[in-house]
């Protein structure tokens, strides 16, 4: 799971580089958070991670929603790239 998050974070960074500046900034923030989350997944159990994610969503709802949006774009792009092969 941590490796998948790292891959998605890298993909989101590429997406952010292709978008307008405000979205690129959001993408870079989300990317750094995903990298940090990947490290936390490697170090902590699932219940603790879910609690941490819930706290983050409550504390920063716009960033959470923006990150979820960028994650969705990254997954869609990954799936689309898989269809092309």
PDB file of N, CA and C in Angstrom:
ATOM      1  N   UNK A   1       0.829  -1.194   0.000  1.00  0.00           N
ATOM      2  CA  UNK A   1       0.000   0.000   0.000  1.00  0.00           C
ATOM      3  C   UNK A   1       0.871   1.256   0.000  1.00  0.00           C
ATOM      4  N   UNK A   2       1.956   1.219   0.760  1.00  0.00           N
ATOM      5  CA  UNK A   2       2.841   2.388   0.825  1.00  0.00           C
ATOM      6  C   UNK A   2       3.493   2.646  -0.532  1.00  0.00           C
ATOM      7  N   UNK A   3       3.902   1.587  -1.206  1.00  0.00           N
ATOM      8  CA  UNK A   3       4.504   1.752  -2.541  1.00  0.00           C
ATOM      9  C   UNK A   3       3.486   2.307  -3.529  1.00  0.00           C
ATOM     10  N   UNK A   4       2.235   1.860  -3.424  1.00  0.00           N
ATOM     11  CA  UNK A   4       1.185   2.372  -4.303  1.00  0.00           C
ATOM     12  C   UNK A   4       0.948   3.858  -4.046  1.00  0.00           C
ATOM     13  N   UNK A   5       0.932   4.260  -2.775  1.00  0.00           N
ATOM     14  CA  UNK A   5       0.760   5.678  -2.445  1.00  0.00           C
ATOM     15  C   UNK A   5       1.915   6.513  -2.996  1.00  0.00           C
ATOM     16  N   UNK A   6       3.120   5.981  -2.893  1.00  0.00           N
ATOM     17  CA  UNK A   6       4.274   6.696  -3.436  1.00  0.00           C
ATOM     18  C   UNK A   6       4.147   6.854  -4.941  1.00  0.00           C
ATOM     19  N   UNK A   7       3.720   5.793  -5.630  1.00  0.00           N
ATOM     20  CA  UNK A   7       3.518   5.868  -7.078  1.00  0.00           C
ATOM     21  C   UNK A   7       2.447   6.873  -7.451  1.00  0.00           C
ATOM     22  N   UNK A   8       1.366   6.891  -6.700  1.00  0.00           N
ATOM     23  CA  UNK A   8       0.291   7.842  -6.965  1.00  0.00           C
ATOM     24  C   UNK A   8       0.771   9.259  -6.699  1.00  0.00           C
ATOM     25  N   UNK A   9       1.557   9.447  -5.638  1.00  0.00           N
ATOM     26  CA  UNK A   9       2.096  10.779  -5.342  1.00  0.00           C
ATOM     27  C   UNK A   9       2.979  11.265  -6.481  1.00  0.00           C
ATOM     28  N   UNK A  10       3.804  10.380  -7.013  1.00  0.00           N
ATOM     29  CA  UNK A  10       4.664  10.759  -8.139  1.00  0.00           C
ATOM     30  C   UNK A  10       3.830  11.122  -9.360  1.00  0.00           C
ATOM     31  N   UNK A  11       2.778  10.362  -9.594  1.00  0.00           N
ATOM     32  CA  UNK A  11       1.894  10.636 -10.720  1.00  0.00           C
ATOM     33  C   UNK A  11       1.166  11.961 -10.530  1.00  0.00           C
ATOM     34  N   UNK A  12       0.760  12.240  -9.288  1.00  0.00           N
ATOM     35  CA  UNK A  12       0.078  13.501  -9.014  1.00  0.00           C
ATOM     36  C   UNK A  12       1.019  14.683  -9.234  1.00  0.00           C
ATOM     37  N   UNK A  13       2.286  14.499  -8.920  1.00  0.00           N
ATOM     38  CA  UNK A  13       3.241  15.578  -9.155  1.00  0.00           C
ATOM     39  C   UNK A  13       3.358  15.868 -10.639  1.00  0.00           C
ATOM     40  N   UNK A  14       3.365  14.819 -11.453  1.00  0.00           N
ATOM     41  CA  UNK A  14       3.407  15.013 -12.902  1.00  0.00           C
ATOM     42  C   UNK A  14       2.145  15.731 -13.376  1.00  0.00           C
ATOM     43  N   UNK A  15       0.990  15.347 -12.824  1.00  0.00           N
ATOM     44  CA  UNK A  15      -0.261  16.015 -13.177  1.00  0.00           C
ATOM     45  C   UNK A  15      -0.218  17.484 -12.783  1.00  0.00           C
ATOM     46  N   UNK A  16       0.292  17.749 -11.597  1.00  0.00           N
ATOM     47  CA  UNK A  16       0.364  19.126 -11.123  1.00  0.00           C
ATOM     48  C   UNK A  16       1.243  19.991 -11.995  1.00  0.00           C
ATOM     49  N   UNK A  17       2.295  19.416 -12.529  1.00  0.00           N
ATOM     50  CA  UNK A  17       3.184  20.167 -13.405  1.00  0.00           C
ATOM     51  C   UNK A  17       2.499  20.559 -14.704  1.00  0.00           C
ATOM     52  N   UNK A  18       1.445  19.839 -15.090  1.00  0.00           N
ATOM     53  CA  UNK A  18       0.749  20.101 -16.340  1.00  0.00           C
ATOM     54  C   UNK A  18      -0.398  21.101 -16.190  1.00  0.00           C
ATOM     55  N   UNK A  19      -0.828  21.383 -14.955  1.00  0.00           N
ATOM     56  CA  UNK A  19      -1.973  22.254 -14.731  1.00  0.00           C
ATOM     57  C   UNK A  19      -1.544  23.686 -14.433  1.00  0.00           C
ATOM     58  N   UNK A  20      -2.544  24.534 -14.306  1.00  0.00           N
ATOM     59  CA  UNK A  20      -2.321  25.936 -13.944  1.00  0.00           C
ATOM     60  C   UNK A  20      -1.653  26.039 -12.577  1.00  0.00           C
ATOM     61  N   UNK A  21      -1.066  27.161 -12.308  1.00  0.00           N
ATOM     62  CA  UNK A  21      -0.287  27.360 -11.086  1.00  0.00           C
ATOM     63  C   UNK A  21      -1.064  27.020  -9.810  1.00  0.00           C
ATOM     64  N   UNK A  22      -2.311  27.507  -9.613  1.00  0.00           N
ATOM     65  CA  UNK A  22      -3.002  27.177  -8.353  1.00  0.00           C
ATOM     66  C   UNK A  22      -3.198  25.674  -8.172  1.00  0.00           C
ATOM     67  N   UNK A  23      -3.530  24.978  -9.241  1.00  0.00           N
ATOM     68  CA  UNK A  23      -3.693  23.538  -9.128  1.00  0.00           C
ATOM     69  C   UNK A  23      -2.345  22.846  -8.937  1.00  0.00           C
ATOM     70  N   UNK A  24      -1.306  23.393  -9.525  1.00  0.00           N
ATOM     71  CA  UNK A  24       0.027  22.813  -9.350  1.00  0.00           C
ATOM     72  C   UNK A  24       0.456  22.925  -7.888  1.00  0.00           C
ATOM     73  N   UNK A  25       0.149  24.057  -7.269  1.00  0.00           N
ATOM     74  CA  UNK A  25       0.488  24.231  -5.848  1.00  0.00           C
ATOM     75  C   UNK A  25      -0.276  23.223  -5.002  1.00  0.00           C
ATOM     76  N   UNK A  26      -1.557  23.057  -5.286  1.00  0.00           N
ATOM     77  CA  UNK A  26      -2.367  22.077  -4.569  1.00  0.00           C
ATOM     78  C   UNK A  26      -1.814  20.675  -4.797  1.00  0.00           C
ATOM     79  N   UNK A  27      -1.435  20.386  -6.026  1.00  0.00           N
ATOM     80  CA  UNK A  27      -0.887  19.076  -6.347  1.00  0.00           C
ATOM     81  C   UNK A  27       0.402  18.819  -5.586  1.00  0.00           C
ATOM     82  N   UNK A  28       1.273  19.813  -5.507  1.00  0.00           N
ATOM     83  CA  UNK A  28       2.539  19.637  -4.789  1.00  0.00           C
ATOM     84  C   UNK A  28       2.292  19.407  -3.302  1.00  0.00           C
ATOM     85  N   UNK A  29       1.312  20.115  -2.746  1.00  0.00           N
ATOM     86  CA  UNK A  29       0.961  19.912  -1.338  1.00  0.00           C
ATOM     87  C   UNK A  29       0.430  18.505  -1.126  1.00  0.00           C
ATOM     88  N   UNK A  30      -0.482  18.099  -2.002  1.00  0.00           N
ATOM     89  CA  UNK A  30      -1.056  16.751  -1.893  1.00  0.00           C
ATOM     90  C   UNK A  30       0.017  15.695  -2.102  1.00  0.00           C
ATOM     91  N   UNK A  31       0.929  15.944  -3.022  1.00  0.00           N
ATOM     92  CA  UNK A  31       2.006  14.993  -3.290  1.00  0.00           C
ATOM     93  C   UNK A  31       2.882  14.806  -2.062  1.00  0.00           C
ATOM     94  N   UNK A  32       3.251  15.908  -1.427  1.00  0.00           N
ATOM     95  CA  UNK A  32       4.097  15.782  -0.239  1.00  0.00           C
ATOM     96  C   UNK A  32       3.346  15.063   0.876  1.00  0.00           C
ATOM     97  N   UNK A  33       2.051  15.323   0.987  1.00  0.00           N
ATOM     98  CA  UNK A  33       1.240  14.622   1.992  1.00  0.00           C
ATOM     99  C   UNK A  33       1.163  13.121   1.686  1.00  0.00           C
ATOM    100  N   UNK A  34       1.028  12.779   0.409  1.00  0.00           N
ATOM    101  CA  UNK A  34       0.961  11.359   0.051  1.00  0.00           C
ATOM    102  C   UNK A  34       2.276  10.649   0.350  1.00  0.00           C
ATOM    103  N   UNK A  35       3.387  11.309   0.074  1.00  0.00           N
ATOM    104  CA  UNK A  35       4.680  10.715   0.416  1.00  0.00           C
ATOM    105  C   UNK A  35       4.789  10.498   1.925  1.00  0.00           C
ATOM    106  N   UNK A  36       4.363  11.494   2.692  1.00  0.00           N
ATOM    107  CA  UNK A  36       4.387  11.360   4.152  1.00  0.00           C
ATOM    108  C   UNK A  36       3.450  10.252   4.606  1.00  0.00           C
ATOM    109  N   UNK A  37       2.281  10.162   3.959  1.00  0.00           N
ATOM    110  CA  UNK A  37       1.325   9.108   4.299  1.00  0.00           C
ATOM    111  C   UNK A  37       1.889   7.730   3.974  1.00  0.00           C
ATOM    112  N   UNK A  38       2.585   7.624   2.860  1.00  0.00           N
ATOM    113  CA  UNK A  38       3.198   6.343   2.501  1.00  0.00           C
ATOM    114  C   UNK A  38       4.177   5.899   3.586  1.00  0.00           C
ATOM    115  N   UNK A  39       4.943   6.837   4.106  1.00  0.00           N
ATOM    116  CA  UNK A  39       5.877   6.498   5.191  1.00  0.00           C
ATOM    117  C   UNK A  39       5.124   6.081   6.452  1.00  0.00           C
ATOM    118  N   UNK A  40       4.019   6.771   6.736  1.00  0.00           N
ATOM    119  CA  UNK A  40       3.220   6.410   7.921  1.00  0.00           C
ATOM    120  C   UNK A  40       2.606   5.031   7.768  1.00  0.00           C
ATOM    121  N   UNK A  41       2.177   4.683   6.547  1.00  0.00           N
ATOM    122  CA  UNK A  41       1.602   3.352   6.306  1.00  0.00           C
ATOM    123  C   UNK A  41       2.644   2.285   6.603  1.00  0.00           C
ATOM    124  N   UNK A  42       3.879   2.577   6.236  1.00  0.00           N
ATOM    125  CA  UNK A  42       4.951   1.616   6.495  1.00  0.00           C
ATOM    126  C   UNK A  42       5.211   1.451   7.998  1.00  0.00           C
ATOM    127  N   UNK A  43       4.932   2.492   8.781  1.00  0.00           N
ATOM    128  CA  UNK A  43       5.317   2.497  10.187  1.00  0.00           C
ATOM    129  C   UNK A  43       4.168   2.252  11.178  1.00  0.00           C
ATOM    130  N   UNK A  44       2.896   2.382  10.773  1.00  0.00           N
ATOM    131  CA  UNK A  44       1.786   2.312  11.724  1.00  0.00           C
ATOM    132  C   UNK A  44       0.728   1.301  11.280  1.00  0.00           C
ATOM    133  N   UNK A  45      -0.162   0.962  12.227  1.00  0.00           N
ATOM    134  CA  UNK A  45      -1.240   0.033  11.902  1.00  0.00           C
ATOM    135  C   UNK A  45      -2.421   0.756  11.250  1.00  0.00           C
ATOM    136  N   UNK A  46      -3.338  -0.011  10.666  1.00  0.00           N
ATOM    137  CA  UNK A  46      -4.440   0.541   9.879  1.00  0.00           C
ATOM    138  C   UNK A  46      -5.394   1.396  10.717  1.00  0.00           C
ATOM    139  N   UNK A  47      -5.730   0.966  11.919  1.00  0.00           N
ATOM    140  CA  UNK A  47      -6.674   1.718  12.758  1.00  0.00           C
ATOM    141  C   UNK A  47      -6.124   3.100  13.091  1.00  0.00           C
ATOM    142  N   UNK A  48      -4.843   3.166  13.391  1.00  0.00           N
ATOM    143  CA  UNK A  48      -4.228   4.452  13.691  1.00  0.00           C
ATOM    144  C   UNK A  48      -4.213   5.358  12.463  1.00  0.00           C
ATOM    145  N   UNK A  49      -3.985   4.781  11.299  1.00  0.00           N
ATOM    146  CA  UNK A  49      -3.983   5.557  10.058  1.00  0.00           C
ATOM    147  C   UNK A  49      -5.362   6.116   9.739  1.00  0.00           C
ATOM    148  N   UNK A  50      -6.400   5.337   9.973  1.00  0.00           N
ATOM    149  CA  UNK A  50      -7.765   5.802   9.716  1.00  0.00           C
ATOM    150  C   UNK A  50      -8.103   6.967  10.648  1.00  0.00           C
ATOM    151  N   UNK A  51      -7.725   6.867  11.912  1.00  0.00           N
ATOM    152  CA  UNK A  51      -7.974   7.964  12.857  1.00  0.00           C
ATOM    153  C   UNK A  51      -7.231   9.223  12.425  1.00  0.00           C
ATOM    154  N   UNK A  52      -6.006   9.048  11.989  1.00  0.00           N
ATOM    155  CA  UNK A  52      -5.204  10.183  11.540  1.00  0.00           C
ATOM    156  C   UNK A  52      -5.818  10.841  10.311  1.00  0.00           C
ATOM    157  N   UNK A  53      -6.292  10.040   9.368  1.00  0.00           N
ATOM    158  CA  UNK A  53      -6.926  10.570   8.165  1.00  0.00           C
ATOM    159  C   UNK A  53      -8.210  11.313   8.510  1.00  0.00           C
ATOM    160  N   UNK A  54      -8.984  10.780   9.431  1.00  0.00           N
ATOM    161  CA  UNK A  54     -10.225  11.445   9.852  1.00  0.00           C
ATOM    162  C   UNK A  54      -9.925  12.794  10.500  1.00  0.00           C
ATOM    163  N   UNK A  55      -8.886  12.859  11.333  1.00  0.00           N
ATOM    164  CA  UNK A  55      -8.500  14.138  11.951  1.00  0.00           C
ATOM    165  C   UNK A  55      -8.061  15.144  10.887  1.00  0.00           C
ATOM    166  N   UNK A  56      -7.278  14.666   9.916  1.00  0.00           N
ATOM    167  CA  UNK A  56      -6.819  15.544   8.846  1.00  0.00           C
ATOM    168  C   UNK A  56      -8.005  16.099   8.058  1.00  0.00           C
ATOM    169  N   UNK A  57      -8.970  15.245   7.725  1.00  0.00           N
ATOM    170  CA  UNK A  57     -10.149  15.680   6.969  1.00  0.00           C
ATOM    171  C   UNK A  57     -10.960  16.705   7.754  1.00  0.00           C
ATOM    172  N   UNK A  58     -11.040  16.545   9.067  1.00  0.00           N
ATOM    173  CA  UNK A  58     -11.773  17.503   9.894  1.00  0.00           C
ATOM    174  C   UNK A  58     -11.023  18.830  10.020  1.00  0.00           C
ATOM    175  N   UNK A  59      -9.703  18.750  10.143  1.00  0.00           N
ATOM    176  CA  UNK A  59      -8.906  19.962  10.327  1.00  0.00           C
ATOM    177  C   UNK A  59      -8.731  20.759   9.036  1.00  0.00           C
ATOM    178  N   UNK A  60      -8.627  20.064   7.906  1.00  0.00           N
ATOM    179  CA  UNK A  60      -8.355  20.723   6.614  1.00  0.00           C
ATOM    180  C   UNK A  60      -9.258  20.142   5.518  1.00  0.00           C
ATOM    181  N   UNK A  61     -10.557  20.417   5.591  1.00  0.00           N
ATOM    182  CA  UNK A  61     -11.483  19.789   4.637  1.00  0.00           C
ATOM    183  C   UNK A  61     -11.212  20.146   3.180  1.00  0.00           C
ATOM    184  N   UNK A  62     -10.845  21.396   2.894  1.00  0.00           N
ATOM    185  CA  UNK A  62     -10.604  21.773   1.495  1.00  0.00           C
ATOM    186  C   UNK A  62      -9.368  21.064   0.937  1.00  0.00           C
ATOM    187  N   UNK A  63      -8.341  20.980   1.729  1.00  0.00           N
ATOM    188  CA  UNK A  63      -7.143  20.276   1.283  1.00  0.00           C
ATOM    189  C   UNK A  63      -7.425  18.790   1.112  1.00  0.00           C
ATOM    190  N   UNK A  64      -8.225  18.234   2.011  1.00  0.00           N
ATOM    191  CA  UNK A  64      -8.599  16.826   1.908  1.00  0.00           C
ATOM    192  C   UNK A  64      -9.385  16.565   0.625  1.00  0.00           C
ATOM    193  N   UNK A  65     -10.369  17.422   0.336  1.00  0.00           N
ATOM    194  CA  UNK A  65     -11.179  17.261  -0.876  1.00  0.00           C
ATOM    195  C   UNK A  65     -10.329  17.468  -2.123  1.00  0.00           C
ATOM    196  N   UNK A  66      -9.464  18.487  -2.095  1.00  0.00           N
ATOM    197  CA  UNK A  66      -8.560  18.714  -3.227  1.00  0.00           C
ATOM    198  C   UNK A  66      -7.631  17.541  -3.449  1.00  0.00           C
ATOM    199  N   UNK A  67      -7.115  16.991  -2.371  1.00  0.00           N
ATOM    200  CA  UNK A  67      -6.247  15.822  -2.478  1.00  0.00           C
ATOM    201  C   UNK A  67      -6.992  14.615  -3.029  1.00  0.00           C
ATOM    202  N   UNK A  68      -8.229  14.436  -2.581  1.00  0.00           N
ATOM    203  CA  UNK A  68      -9.034  13.329  -3.093  1.00  0.00           C
ATOM    204  C   UNK A  68      -9.301  13.506  -4.584  1.00  0.00           C
ATOM    205  N   UNK A  69      -9.538  14.750  -4.990  1.00  0.00           N
ATOM    206  CA  UNK A  69      -9.752  15.036  -6.412  1.00  0.00           C
ATOM    207  C   UNK A  69      -8.506  14.693  -7.225  1.00  0.00           C
ATOM    208  N   UNK A  70      -7.346  15.165  -6.756  1.00  0.00           N
ATOM    209  CA  UNK A  70      -6.097  14.886  -7.463  1.00  0.00           C
ATOM    210  C   UNK A  70      -5.787  13.391  -7.467  1.00  0.00           C
ATOM    211  N   UNK A  71      -6.100  12.725  -6.376  1.00  0.00           N
ATOM    212  CA  UNK A  71      -5.911  11.276  -6.316  1.00  0.00           C
ATOM    213  C   UNK A  71      -6.790  10.592  -7.357  1.00  0.00           C
ATOM    214  N   UNK A  72      -8.027  11.060  -7.478  1.00  0.00           N
ATOM    215  CA  UNK A  72      -8.928  10.508  -8.487  1.00  0.00           C
ATOM    216  C   UNK A  72      -8.401  10.722  -9.898  1.00  0.00           C
ATOM    217  N   UNK A  73      -7.858  11.913 -10.155  1.00  0.00           N
ATOM    218  CA  UNK A  73      -7.256  12.165 -11.468  1.00  0.00           C
ATOM    219  C   UNK A  73      -6.076  11.229 -11.731  1.00  0.00           C
ATOM    220  N   UNK A  74      -5.263  11.043 -10.710  1.00  0.00           N
ATOM    221  CA  UNK A  74      -4.112  10.153 -10.858  1.00  0.00           C
ATOM    222  C   UNK A  74      -4.518   8.716 -11.136  1.00  0.00           C
ATOM    223  N   UNK A  75      -5.519   8.243 -10.407  1.00  0.00           N
ATOM    224  CA  UNK A  75      -6.005   6.875 -10.622  1.00  0.00           C
ATOM    225  C   UNK A  75      -6.621   6.739 -12.012  1.00  0.00           C
ATOM    226  N   UNK A  76      -7.409   7.744 -12.415  1.00  0.00           N
ATOM    227  CA  UNK A  76      -8.018   7.704 -13.750  1.00  0.00           C
ATOM    228  C   UNK A  76      -6.948   7.684 -14.833  1.00  0.00           C
ATOM    229  N   UNK A  77      -5.915   8.477 -14.636  1.00  0.00           N
ATOM    230  CA  UNK A  77      -4.837   8.506 -15.625  1.00  0.00           C
ATOM    231  C   UNK A  77      -4.092   7.173 -15.668  1.00  0.00           C
ATOM    232  N   UNK A  78      -3.888   6.590 -14.488  1.00  0.00           N
ATOM    233  CA  UNK A  78      -3.206   5.292 -14.422  1.00  0.00           C
ATOM    234  C   UNK A  78      -4.044   4.223 -15.121  1.00  0.00           C
ATOM    235  N   UNK A  79      -5.337   4.239 -14.890  1.00  0.00           N
ATOM    236  CA  UNK A  79      -6.214   3.262 -15.534  1.00  0.00           C
ATOM    237  C   UNK A  79      -6.259   3.483 -17.047  1.00  0.00           C
ATOM    238  N   UNK A  80      -6.287   4.751 -17.454  1.00  0.00           N
ATOM    239  CA  UNK A  80      -6.304   5.069 -18.880  1.00  0.00           C
ATOM    240  C   UNK A  80      -4.997   4.610 -19.547  1.00  0.00           C
ATOM    241  N   UNK A  81      -3.885   4.798 -18.871  1.00  0.00           N
ATOM    242  CA  UNK A  81      -2.604   4.359 -19.424  1.00  0.00           C
ATOM    243  C   UNK A  81      -2.560   2.838 -19.537  1.00  0.00           C
ATOM    244  N   UNK A  82      -3.212   2.148 -18.614  1.00  0.00           N
ATOM    245  CA  UNK A  82      -3.261   0.687 -18.677  1.00  0.00           C
ATOM    246  C   UNK A  82      -4.086   0.199 -19.864  1.00  0.00           C
ATOM    247  N   UNK A  83      -5.119   0.959 -20.240  1.00  0.00           N
ATOM    248  CA  UNK A  83      -5.954   0.593 -21.384  1.00  0.00           C
ATOM    249  C   UNK A  83      -5.225   0.758 -22.699  1.00  0.00           C
ATOM    250  N   UNK A  84      -4.280   1.689 -22.745  1.00  0.00           N
ATOM    251  CA  UNK A  84      -3.556   1.950 -23.981  1.00  0.00           C
ATOM    252  C   UNK A  84      -2.544   0.863 -24.322  1.00  0.00           C
ATOM    253  N   UNK A  85      -2.156   0.093 -23.336  1.00  0.00           N
ATOM    254  CA  UNK A  85      -1.126  -0.930 -23.578  1.00  0.00           C
ATOM    255  C   UNK A  85      -1.705  -2.187 -24.129  1.00  0.00           C
TER     256      UNK A  85
END
